[in-house]
N, C-alpha and C. Protein backbone atom coordinates (compact mmCIF):
# COMPACT_ATOMS: atom_id res chain seq x y z
N MET A 1 -1.09 -23.31 -4.51
CA MET A 1 -0.52 -22.32 -5.40
C MET A 1 -1.51 -21.95 -6.49
N GLY A 2 -2.77 -22.15 -6.25
CA GLY A 2 -3.75 -21.75 -7.24
C GLY A 2 -3.85 -22.76 -8.36
N ASN A 3 -4.62 -22.43 -9.37
CA ASN A 3 -4.82 -23.31 -10.51
C ASN A 3 -3.92 -22.88 -11.65
N LEU A 4 -2.72 -23.42 -11.69
CA LEU A 4 -1.77 -23.10 -12.76
C LEU A 4 -1.82 -24.20 -13.81
N SER A 5 -1.80 -23.82 -15.07
CA SER A 5 -1.74 -24.80 -16.14
C SER A 5 -0.32 -25.37 -16.23
N ASN A 6 -0.19 -26.50 -16.90
CA ASN A 6 1.14 -27.10 -17.07
C ASN A 6 2.10 -26.18 -17.79
N SER A 7 1.60 -25.43 -18.79
CA SER A 7 2.49 -24.51 -19.52
C SER A 7 2.94 -23.37 -18.62
N GLU A 8 2.08 -22.93 -17.71
CA GLU A 8 2.47 -21.87 -16.78
C GLU A 8 3.52 -22.37 -15.79
N LYS A 9 3.42 -23.61 -15.39
CA LYS A 9 4.36 -24.18 -14.43
C LYS A 9 5.75 -24.37 -15.05
N LYS A 10 5.81 -24.60 -16.35
CA LYS A 10 7.08 -24.90 -17.00
C LYS A 10 7.83 -23.67 -17.50
N LYS A 11 7.16 -22.53 -17.59
CA LYS A 11 7.81 -21.34 -18.12
C LYS A 11 8.85 -20.81 -17.14
N ILE A 12 10.00 -20.48 -17.64
CA ILE A 12 11.06 -19.89 -16.83
C ILE A 12 11.28 -18.48 -17.33
N PRO A 13 11.24 -17.50 -16.43
CA PRO A 13 11.40 -16.12 -16.91
C PRO A 13 12.80 -15.86 -17.44
N LYS A 14 12.87 -15.02 -18.44
CA LYS A 14 14.15 -14.57 -18.98
C LYS A 14 14.36 -13.16 -18.45
N TYR A 15 15.27 -13.03 -17.49
CA TYR A 15 15.43 -11.77 -16.79
C TYR A 15 16.06 -10.67 -17.64
N ASP A 16 16.62 -11.01 -18.80
CA ASP A 16 17.17 -9.98 -19.68
C ASP A 16 16.22 -9.64 -20.83
N ASP A 17 14.99 -10.14 -20.78
CA ASP A 17 14.00 -9.89 -21.81
C ASP A 17 13.03 -8.81 -21.32
N PRO A 18 13.10 -7.60 -21.90
CA PRO A 18 12.25 -6.50 -21.44
C PRO A 18 10.76 -6.79 -21.54
N SER A 19 10.36 -7.71 -22.41
CA SER A 19 8.94 -8.04 -22.52
C SER A 19 8.46 -8.87 -21.33
N GLN A 20 9.39 -9.47 -20.58
CA GLN A 20 9.02 -10.28 -19.42
C GLN A 20 9.30 -9.59 -18.10
N ILE A 21 10.12 -8.57 -18.12
CA ILE A 21 10.51 -7.90 -16.88
C ILE A 21 10.00 -6.47 -16.89
N GLU A 22 9.40 -6.06 -15.81
CA GLU A 22 8.97 -4.69 -15.63
C GLU A 22 9.59 -4.22 -14.33
N MET A 23 10.61 -3.39 -14.43
CA MET A 23 11.32 -2.92 -13.25
C MET A 23 10.43 -2.02 -12.41
N GLY A 24 10.80 -1.90 -11.16
CA GLY A 24 10.10 -0.98 -10.27
C GLY A 24 10.45 0.45 -10.64
N LEU A 25 9.72 1.37 -10.05
CA LEU A 25 9.97 2.78 -10.34
C LEU A 25 9.83 3.58 -9.06
N ILE A 26 10.82 4.42 -8.81
CA ILE A 26 10.78 5.34 -7.69
C ILE A 26 10.83 6.76 -8.22
N GLN A 27 10.36 7.68 -7.41
CA GLN A 27 10.34 9.08 -7.82
C GLN A 27 11.00 9.91 -6.72
N PHE A 28 11.78 10.89 -7.13
CA PHE A 28 12.50 11.74 -6.19
C PHE A 28 11.88 13.13 -6.15
N ASN A 29 11.77 13.69 -4.96
CA ASN A 29 11.41 15.09 -4.79
C ASN A 29 12.73 15.81 -4.55
N LEU A 30 13.26 16.42 -5.59
CA LEU A 30 14.58 17.03 -5.51
C LEU A 30 14.63 18.24 -4.59
N ASP A 31 13.48 18.85 -4.33
CA ASP A 31 13.45 19.96 -3.38
C ASP A 31 13.71 19.47 -1.95
N LYS A 32 13.32 18.24 -1.67
CA LYS A 32 13.52 17.68 -0.33
C LYS A 32 14.87 16.96 -0.20
N CYS A 33 15.42 16.45 -1.30
CA CYS A 33 16.66 15.67 -1.27
C CYS A 33 17.83 16.53 -0.78
N ASN A 34 18.53 16.03 0.24
CA ASN A 34 19.68 16.79 0.76
C ASN A 34 21.02 16.21 0.26
N GLY A 35 20.97 15.20 -0.59
CA GLY A 35 22.18 14.65 -1.18
C GLY A 35 23.03 13.83 -0.23
N CYS A 36 22.44 13.27 0.81
CA CYS A 36 23.22 12.52 1.81
C CYS A 36 23.78 11.21 1.26
N GLY A 37 23.13 10.62 0.26
CA GLY A 37 23.63 9.40 -0.36
C GLY A 37 23.25 8.10 0.35
N LEU A 38 22.46 8.16 1.40
CA LEU A 38 22.06 6.93 2.10
C LEU A 38 21.24 6.02 1.19
N CYS A 39 20.41 6.59 0.34
CA CYS A 39 19.61 5.78 -0.58
C CYS A 39 20.49 5.02 -1.56
N VAL A 40 21.57 5.63 -1.99
CA VAL A 40 22.51 4.99 -2.91
C VAL A 40 23.12 3.76 -2.24
N LYS A 41 23.51 3.91 -0.98
CA LYS A 41 24.12 2.80 -0.24
C LYS A 41 23.11 1.71 0.08
N ALA A 42 21.86 2.08 0.31
CA ALA A 42 20.84 1.11 0.71
C ALA A 42 20.26 0.31 -0.45
N CYS A 43 20.39 0.81 -1.67
CA CYS A 43 19.75 0.18 -2.83
C CYS A 43 20.45 -1.12 -3.24
N PRO A 44 19.77 -2.27 -3.11
CA PRO A 44 20.39 -3.54 -3.49
C PRO A 44 20.54 -3.72 -4.99
N GLY A 45 19.80 -2.95 -5.80
CA GLY A 45 19.87 -3.06 -7.25
C GLY A 45 20.77 -2.04 -7.90
N ASP A 46 21.48 -1.24 -7.11
CA ASP A 46 22.32 -0.16 -7.65
C ASP A 46 21.55 0.70 -8.65
N ALA A 47 20.31 1.02 -8.31
CA ALA A 47 19.45 1.78 -9.22
C ALA A 47 19.54 3.29 -9.01
N ILE A 48 20.22 3.71 -7.93
CA ILE A 48 20.26 5.14 -7.59
C ILE A 48 21.70 5.64 -7.61
N LYS A 49 21.87 6.86 -8.10
CA LYS A 49 23.18 7.50 -8.05
C LYS A 49 22.99 8.96 -7.64
N LEU A 50 24.06 9.58 -7.23
CA LEU A 50 24.03 11.02 -6.94
C LEU A 50 24.59 11.76 -8.13
N GLN A 51 23.88 12.80 -8.53
CA GLN A 51 24.35 13.66 -9.60
C GLN A 51 24.06 15.09 -9.18
N ASN A 52 25.10 15.91 -9.16
CA ASN A 52 24.97 17.29 -8.68
C ASN A 52 24.38 17.35 -7.27
N LYS A 53 24.82 16.41 -6.43
CA LYS A 53 24.40 16.33 -5.02
C LYS A 53 22.91 16.08 -4.84
N LYS A 54 22.30 15.41 -5.83
CA LYS A 54 20.89 15.03 -5.75
C LYS A 54 20.76 13.58 -6.22
N ALA A 55 19.83 12.84 -5.62
CA ALA A 55 19.61 11.45 -6.00
C ALA A 55 18.84 11.38 -7.31
N LYS A 56 19.18 10.39 -8.12
CA LYS A 56 18.44 10.13 -9.36
C LYS A 56 18.63 8.68 -9.75
N LEU A 57 17.79 8.19 -10.64
CA LEU A 57 17.93 6.82 -11.13
C LEU A 57 19.14 6.73 -12.04
N THR A 58 19.79 5.58 -12.03
CA THR A 58 20.91 5.35 -12.94
C THR A 58 20.39 5.26 -14.37
N ASP A 59 21.29 5.22 -15.32
CA ASP A 59 20.89 5.15 -16.72
C ASP A 59 20.14 3.86 -17.04
N ARG A 60 20.49 2.79 -16.37
CA ARG A 60 19.78 1.51 -16.55
C ARG A 60 19.36 1.01 -15.16
N PRO A 61 18.29 1.58 -14.63
CA PRO A 61 17.91 1.23 -13.26
C PRO A 61 17.43 -0.21 -13.13
N GLU A 62 17.90 -0.86 -12.10
CA GLU A 62 17.50 -2.23 -11.80
C GLU A 62 16.66 -2.22 -10.52
N CYS A 63 15.71 -1.31 -10.45
CA CYS A 63 14.89 -1.13 -9.26
C CYS A 63 13.95 -2.32 -9.09
N ILE A 64 13.98 -2.92 -7.90
CA ILE A 64 13.09 -4.03 -7.60
C ILE A 64 11.97 -3.60 -6.65
N ALA A 65 11.82 -2.31 -6.44
CA ALA A 65 10.75 -1.74 -5.61
C ALA A 65 10.75 -2.34 -4.21
N CYS A 66 11.93 -2.50 -3.63
CA CYS A 66 12.03 -3.09 -2.29
C CYS A 66 11.64 -2.09 -1.21
N GLY A 67 11.78 -0.81 -1.49
CA GLY A 67 11.41 0.23 -0.54
C GLY A 67 12.50 0.60 0.44
N ASP A 68 13.69 0.01 0.31
CA ASP A 68 14.78 0.34 1.24
C ASP A 68 15.14 1.82 1.16
N CYS A 69 15.17 2.38 -0.04
CA CYS A 69 15.53 3.79 -0.19
C CYS A 69 14.48 4.70 0.46
N VAL A 70 13.22 4.33 0.34
CA VAL A 70 12.15 5.12 0.94
C VAL A 70 12.26 5.08 2.45
N ALA A 71 12.53 3.89 2.98
CA ALA A 71 12.61 3.72 4.43
C ALA A 71 13.80 4.46 5.04
N ILE A 72 14.92 4.55 4.30
CA ILE A 72 16.13 5.15 4.88
C ILE A 72 16.18 6.67 4.68
N CYS A 73 15.36 7.21 3.80
CA CYS A 73 15.41 8.65 3.51
C CYS A 73 14.76 9.45 4.64
N SER A 74 15.59 10.18 5.37
CA SER A 74 15.09 10.97 6.50
C SER A 74 14.30 12.19 6.04
N GLU A 75 14.49 12.59 4.80
CA GLU A 75 13.81 13.78 4.27
C GLU A 75 12.49 13.45 3.57
N LYS A 76 12.15 12.17 3.48
CA LYS A 76 10.93 11.72 2.79
C LYS A 76 10.90 12.23 1.35
N ALA A 77 12.05 12.11 0.68
CA ALA A 77 12.18 12.63 -0.68
C ALA A 77 11.96 11.58 -1.75
N ILE A 78 11.70 10.32 -1.35
CA ILE A 78 11.57 9.24 -2.33
C ILE A 78 10.21 8.58 -2.16
N THR A 79 9.57 8.29 -3.30
CA THR A 79 8.27 7.63 -3.31
C THR A 79 8.33 6.42 -4.24
N LEU A 80 7.76 5.30 -3.80
CA LEU A 80 7.60 4.14 -4.68
C LEU A 80 6.41 4.40 -5.59
N VAL A 81 6.62 4.28 -6.88
CA VAL A 81 5.57 4.56 -7.85
C VAL A 81 5.01 3.27 -8.43
N LYS A 82 5.90 2.34 -8.78
CA LYS A 82 5.47 1.12 -9.46
C LYS A 82 6.27 -0.07 -8.93
N SER A 83 5.60 -1.19 -8.78
CA SER A 83 6.24 -2.40 -8.28
C SER A 83 6.99 -3.14 -9.39
N TYR A 84 8.02 -3.90 -8.98
CA TYR A 84 8.76 -4.78 -9.89
C TYR A 84 7.89 -5.98 -10.23
N ARG A 85 7.83 -6.37 -11.48
CA ARG A 85 7.05 -7.55 -11.89
C ARG A 85 7.81 -8.32 -12.96
N TYR A 86 7.61 -9.61 -12.95
CA TYR A 86 8.12 -10.43 -14.05
C TYR A 86 7.09 -11.49 -14.38
N SER A 87 7.14 -11.95 -15.60
CA SER A 87 6.26 -13.03 -16.01
C SER A 87 7.13 -14.25 -16.25
N GLY A 88 6.53 -15.36 -16.37
CA GLY A 88 7.31 -16.56 -16.65
C GLY A 88 6.97 -17.68 -15.71
N ARG A 89 7.90 -18.04 -14.85
CA ARG A 89 7.75 -19.24 -14.04
C ARG A 89 6.51 -19.24 -13.15
N TYR A 90 6.21 -18.14 -12.52
CA TYR A 90 5.07 -18.10 -11.62
C TYR A 90 4.02 -17.12 -12.11
N LYS A 91 2.79 -17.52 -11.99
CA LYS A 91 1.68 -16.64 -12.32
C LYS A 91 1.42 -15.76 -11.11
N THR A 92 1.25 -14.47 -11.33
CA THR A 92 0.93 -13.57 -10.24
C THR A 92 -0.52 -13.79 -9.86
N ILE A 93 -0.73 -14.31 -8.67
CA ILE A 93 -2.09 -14.61 -8.22
C ILE A 93 -2.64 -13.44 -7.43
N ASP A 94 -1.88 -12.95 -6.48
CA ASP A 94 -2.34 -11.84 -5.67
C ASP A 94 -1.14 -11.00 -5.29
N GLN A 95 -1.13 -9.78 -5.76
CA GLN A 95 -0.05 -8.87 -5.40
C GLN A 95 -0.70 -7.63 -4.83
N GLY A 96 -0.48 -7.40 -3.56
CA GLY A 96 -1.08 -6.25 -2.90
C GLY A 96 -0.37 -4.97 -3.30
N GLY A 97 -0.76 -3.91 -2.64
CA GLY A 97 -0.15 -2.62 -2.91
C GLY A 97 1.28 -2.57 -2.38
N LEU A 98 2.02 -1.58 -2.81
CA LEU A 98 3.39 -1.39 -2.35
C LEU A 98 3.37 -1.01 -0.88
N GLU A 99 4.22 -1.65 -0.10
CA GLU A 99 4.33 -1.33 1.32
C GLU A 99 5.78 -1.16 1.68
N LEU A 100 6.04 -0.25 2.61
CA LEU A 100 7.40 -0.01 3.06
C LEU A 100 7.87 -1.15 3.96
N PRO A 101 9.18 -1.37 4.04
CA PRO A 101 9.70 -2.38 4.95
C PRO A 101 9.36 -2.01 6.39
N ARG A 102 9.24 -3.02 7.24
CA ARG A 102 9.00 -2.74 8.65
C ARG A 102 10.22 -2.10 9.28
N LEU A 103 10.00 -1.17 10.16
CA LEU A 103 11.11 -0.50 10.85
C LEU A 103 11.53 -1.27 12.06
């Protein structure tokens, strides 16, 4: 698990502390969105809602950048912009680029 110091091993993240949590971010192309709502159903963080028959982030998005919404969107209207990150218990040693779930 790499060279972690004792203080790094003992830290536990506080998931309600904005200084330790950086939510993922998705972007919608509203010209492509057909309002089908599949992304809303697929999102495990309830980060997406439909408003005026178009997808958008909720007021307090809990996006974990899982990519489920991107994978299920038949119109290719959703893009992953930023990955979910947290600090605390584990030191991020190697985090690759965002990748879509396997089909």
